[in-house]
N, C-alpha and C. Protein backbone atom coordinates (compact mmCIF):
# COMPACT_ATOMS: atom_id res chain seq x y z
N ARG A 1 -18.23 -117.31 59.42
CA ARG A 1 -19.56 -117.34 60.05
C ARG A 1 -19.46 -117.46 61.58
N ARG A 2 -18.71 -118.48 62.01
CA ARG A 2 -18.64 -118.77 63.45
C ARG A 2 -18.13 -117.57 64.25
N GLU A 3 -17.04 -116.96 63.79
CA GLU A 3 -16.48 -115.82 64.55
C GLU A 3 -17.43 -114.63 64.55
N GLU A 4 -18.21 -114.49 63.48
CA GLU A 4 -19.21 -113.42 63.44
C GLU A 4 -20.20 -113.60 64.58
N PHE A 5 -20.65 -114.84 64.75
CA PHE A 5 -21.60 -115.16 65.81
C PHE A 5 -21.00 -114.85 67.19
N GLU A 6 -19.74 -115.23 67.36
CA GLU A 6 -19.06 -114.97 68.64
C GLU A 6 -19.00 -113.48 68.93
N VAL A 7 -18.70 -112.68 67.91
CA VAL A 7 -18.61 -111.23 68.08
C VAL A 7 -19.96 -110.66 68.49
N VAL A 8 -21.01 -111.11 67.82
CA VAL A 8 -22.35 -110.63 68.13
C VAL A 8 -22.73 -111.01 69.56
N LYS A 9 -22.38 -112.24 69.95
CA LYS A 9 -22.69 -112.71 71.30
C LYS A 9 -21.97 -111.86 72.34
N GLU A 10 -20.70 -111.56 72.04
CA GLU A 10 -19.90 -110.75 72.96
C GLU A 10 -20.48 -109.35 73.10
N MET A 11 -20.86 -108.76 71.96
CA MET A 11 -21.45 -107.42 71.98
C MET A 11 -22.74 -107.40 72.79
N ALA A 12 -23.55 -108.45 72.63
CA ALA A 12 -24.82 -108.54 73.35
C ALA A 12 -24.58 -108.63 74.85
N SER A 13 -23.61 -109.44 75.26
CA SER A 13 -23.36 -109.58 76.69
C SER A 13 -22.77 -108.30 77.28
N LYS A 14 -21.97 -107.59 76.50
CA LYS A 14 -21.43 -106.30 76.95
C LYS A 14 -22.56 -105.30 77.13
N ALA A 15 -23.46 -105.26 76.16
CA ALA A 15 -24.59 -104.34 76.22
C ALA A 15 -25.44 -104.65 77.44
N ARG A 16 -25.62 -105.94 77.71
CA ARG A 16 -26.44 -106.34 78.85
C ARG A 16 -25.78 -105.90 80.16
N ALA A 17 -24.48 -106.07 80.25
CA ALA A 17 -23.74 -105.67 81.45
C ALA A 17 -23.85 -104.17 81.67
N GLU A 18 -23.71 -103.39 80.59
CA GLU A 18 -23.83 -101.94 80.70
C GLU A 18 -25.23 -101.54 81.14
N ASN A 19 -26.22 -102.27 80.62
CA ASN A 19 -27.61 -102.00 80.96
C ASN A 19 -27.83 -102.21 82.46
N GLU A 20 -27.31 -103.31 82.99
CA GLU A 20 -27.45 -103.60 84.42
C GLU A 20 -26.78 -102.50 85.25
N GLU A 21 -25.63 -102.06 84.79
CA GLU A 21 -24.90 -101.00 85.49
C GLU A 21 -25.73 -99.72 85.54
N LEU A 22 -26.32 -99.37 84.40
CA LEU A 22 -27.14 -98.16 84.33
C LEU A 22 -28.35 -98.27 85.26
N LYS A 23 -28.99 -99.44 85.26
CA LYS A 23 -30.16 -99.65 86.12
C LYS A 23 -29.79 -99.46 87.58
N ALA A 24 -28.63 -100.01 87.96
CA ALA A 24 -28.18 -99.88 89.34
C ALA A 24 -27.94 -98.42 89.70
N ARG A 25 -27.32 -97.69 88.77
CA ARG A 25 -27.02 -96.27 89.01
C ARG A 25 -28.31 -95.47 89.15
N ILE A 26 -29.28 -95.75 88.29
CA ILE A 26 -30.55 -95.04 88.33
C ILE A 26 -31.27 -95.33 89.65
N ALA A 27 -31.26 -96.59 90.06
CA ALA A 27 -31.90 -96.97 91.32
C ALA A 27 -31.25 -96.22 92.48
N GLU A 28 -29.94 -96.11 92.43
CA GLU A 28 -29.19 -95.40 93.47
C GLU A 28 -29.61 -93.94 93.52
N LEU A 29 -29.67 -93.31 92.35
CA LEU A 29 -30.05 -91.90 92.28
C LEU A 29 -31.47 -91.69 92.79
N GLU A 30 -32.38 -92.60 92.41
CA GLU A 30 -33.77 -92.46 92.84
C GLU A 30 -33.89 -92.60 94.35
N SER A 31 -33.13 -93.52 94.95
CA SER A 31 -33.21 -93.69 96.40
C SER A 31 -32.65 -92.47 97.12
N LYS A 32 -31.65 -91.83 96.54
CA LYS A 32 -31.10 -90.60 97.14
C LYS A 32 -32.11 -89.46 97.05
N LYS A 33 -32.84 -89.41 95.95
CA LYS A 33 -33.82 -88.34 95.73
C LYS A 33 -34.94 -88.41 96.75
N LYS A 34 -35.35 -89.62 97.09
CA LYS A 34 -36.50 -89.80 97.98
C LYS A 34 -36.22 -89.30 99.39
N LYS A 35 -34.96 -89.36 99.82
CA LYS A 35 -34.61 -88.97 101.19
C LYS A 35 -34.72 -87.46 101.42
């Protein structure tokens, strides 16, 4: 049980990190488009 929870927690934090990365990339692209 415990290790299952740890794995899920790890996956969630990885997904969150990837999400932040994507948001940053999109923001960068949008700022380039505006110029």
